[in-house]
């Protein structure tokens, strides 16, 4: 399965209800995506360090599916 890093960061921000500014790296082990991200404050000059988050691959797939459906809905409405 191919992971889009931009969508993965959006998905993490959505699920964790936080604003991570950058995806450093990620690994897939089984059905879990393990990712390292930087909090928004890191970009502002405060050193908070990277955060490790994990999410089920099914959560990522559902997020992508919803994103595509929303885009189709917008196209149909216009």
C-alpha atoms as a PDB file:
ATOM      1  CA  UNK A   1       0.000   0.000   0.000  1.00  0.00           C
ATOM      2  CA  UNK A   2       1.271   3.436  -0.941  1.00  0.00           C
ATOM      3  CA  UNK A   3       1.018   6.155   1.700  1.00  0.00           C
ATOM      4  CA  UNK A   4       0.641   9.797   0.698  1.00  0.00           C
ATOM      5  CA  UNK A   5       2.688  11.730   3.287  1.00  0.00           C
ATOM      6  CA  UNK A   6       0.580  14.890   2.956  1.00  0.00           C
ATOM      7  CA  UNK A   7      -2.648  12.963   3.563  1.00  0.00           C
ATOM      8  CA  UNK A   8      -1.028  11.015   6.391  1.00  0.00           C
ATOM      9  CA  UNK A   9      -0.136  14.263   8.191  1.00  0.00           C
ATOM     10  CA  UNK A  10      -3.679  15.583   7.635  1.00  0.00           C
ATOM     11  CA  UNK A  11      -5.101  12.319   8.955  1.00  0.00           C
ATOM     12  CA  UNK A  12      -2.909  12.439  12.064  1.00  0.00           C
ATOM     13  CA  UNK A  13      -3.913  16.054  12.726  1.00  0.00           C
ATOM     14  CA  UNK A  14      -7.575  15.135  12.301  1.00  0.00           C
ATOM     15  CA  UNK A  15      -7.474  12.070  14.542  1.00  0.00           C
ATOM     16  CA  UNK A  16      -5.307  13.602  17.269  1.00  0.00           C
ATOM     17  CA  UNK A  17      -7.086  16.992  17.093  1.00  0.00           C
ATOM     18  CA  UNK A  18      -3.733  18.763  17.022  1.00  0.00           C
ATOM     19  CA  UNK A  19      -1.733  20.784  14.541  1.00  0.00           C
ATOM     20  CA  UNK A  20       1.458  18.915  13.748  1.00  0.00           C
ATOM     21  CA  UNK A  21       3.486  20.869  11.239  1.00  0.00           C
ATOM     22  CA  UNK A  22       5.710  18.226   9.714  1.00  0.00           C
ATOM     23  CA  UNK A  23       5.867  14.492   9.179  1.00  0.00           C
ATOM     24  CA  UNK A  24       9.450  13.402   9.851  1.00  0.00           C
ATOM     25  CA  UNK A  25       9.104   9.738   8.952  1.00  0.00           C
ATOM     26  CA  UNK A  26       6.797   6.748   9.221  1.00  0.00           C
ATOM     27  CA  UNK A  27       6.905   2.954   9.228  1.00  0.00           C
ATOM     28  CA  UNK A  28       4.222   0.405   8.553  1.00  0.00           C
ATOM     29  CA  UNK A  29       4.260  -2.713  10.694  1.00  0.00           C
ATOM     30  CA  UNK A  30       1.347  -5.037  10.155  1.00  0.00           C
ATOM     31  CA  UNK A  31      -1.828  -2.955  10.336  1.00  0.00           C
ATOM     32  CA  UNK A  32      -0.279  -0.031  12.225  1.00  0.00           C
ATOM     33  CA  UNK A  33       1.384   3.120  10.895  1.00  0.00           C
ATOM     34  CA  UNK A  34       4.016   4.498  13.270  1.00  0.00           C
ATOM     35  CA  UNK A  35       4.880   8.134  12.531  1.00  0.00           C
ATOM     36  CA  UNK A  36       7.169  10.795  13.966  1.00  0.00           C
ATOM     37  CA  UNK A  37       5.860  14.335  13.694  1.00  0.00           C
ATOM     38  CA  UNK A  38       6.864  17.809  14.824  1.00  0.00           C
ATOM     39  CA  UNK A  39       4.434  20.010  16.747  1.00  0.00           C
ATOM     40  CA  UNK A  40       3.641  23.420  15.241  1.00  0.00           C
ATOM     41  CA  UNK A  41       5.593  25.174  18.024  1.00  0.00           C
ATOM     42  CA  UNK A  42       8.785  23.493  16.801  1.00  0.00           C
ATOM     43  CA  UNK A  43       8.635  25.629  13.676  1.00  0.00           C
ATOM     44  CA  UNK A  44       8.240  28.753  15.812  1.00  0.00           C
ATOM     45  CA  UNK A  45      11.574  28.176  17.537  1.00  0.00           C
ATOM     46  CA  UNK A  46      10.483  26.423  20.711  1.00  0.00           C
ATOM     47  CA  UNK A  47      12.150  23.066  21.223  1.00  0.00           C
ATOM     48  CA  UNK A  48       9.524  20.525  22.123  1.00  0.00           C
ATOM     49  CA  UNK A  49      10.994  17.595  20.243  1.00  0.00           C
ATOM     50  CA  UNK A  50       9.325  15.173  17.939  1.00  0.00           C
ATOM     51  CA  UNK A  51       6.236  13.221  18.908  1.00  0.00           C
ATOM     52  CA  UNK A  52       5.554   9.609  18.035  1.00  0.00           C
ATOM     53  CA  UNK A  53       2.020   8.699  17.051  1.00  0.00           C
ATOM     54  CA  UNK A  54       0.438   5.545  15.741  1.00  0.00           C
ATOM     55  CA  UNK A  55      -2.747   4.848  13.894  1.00  0.00           C
ATOM     56  CA  UNK A  56      -4.451   1.859  12.432  1.00  0.00           C
ATOM     57  CA  UNK A  57      -4.073   1.589   8.672  1.00  0.00           C
ATOM     58  CA  UNK A  58      -7.877   1.274   8.461  1.00  0.00           C
ATOM     59  CA  UNK A  59      -8.195   4.747  10.031  1.00  0.00           C
ATOM     60  CA  UNK A  60      -5.950   6.140   7.309  1.00  0.00           C
ATOM     61  CA  UNK A  61      -7.939   4.383   4.564  1.00  0.00           C
ATOM     62  CA  UNK A  62     -11.228   5.691   5.991  1.00  0.00           C
ATOM     63  CA  UNK A  63      -9.820   9.230   6.131  1.00  0.00           C
ATOM     64  CA  UNK A  64      -8.776   9.032   2.462  1.00  0.00           C
ATOM     65  CA  UNK A  65     -12.180   7.622   1.514  1.00  0.00           C
ATOM     66  CA  UNK A  66     -14.013  10.467   3.303  1.00  0.00           C
ATOM     67  CA  UNK A  67     -11.700  13.050   1.728  1.00  0.00           C
ATOM     68  CA  UNK A  68     -12.445  11.679  -1.764  1.00  0.00           C
ATOM     69  CA  UNK A  69     -16.196  11.553  -1.093  1.00  0.00           C
ATOM     70  CA  UNK A  70     -16.183  15.157   0.111  1.00  0.00           C
ATOM     71  CA  UNK A  71     -14.326  16.224  -3.028  1.00  0.00           C
ATOM     72  CA  UNK A  72     -16.880  14.402  -5.221  1.00  0.00           C
ATOM     73  CA  UNK A  73     -19.745  16.008  -3.313  1.00  0.00           C
ATOM     74  CA  UNK A  74     -18.239  19.457  -3.895  1.00  0.00           C
ATOM     75  CA  UNK A  75     -17.897  18.746  -7.622  1.00  0.00           C
ATOM     76  CA  UNK A  76     -21.499  17.518  -7.873  1.00  0.00           C
ATOM     77  CA  UNK A  77     -22.830  20.615  -6.057  1.00  0.00           C
ATOM     78  CA  UNK A  78     -21.126  23.020  -8.460  1.00  0.00           C
END
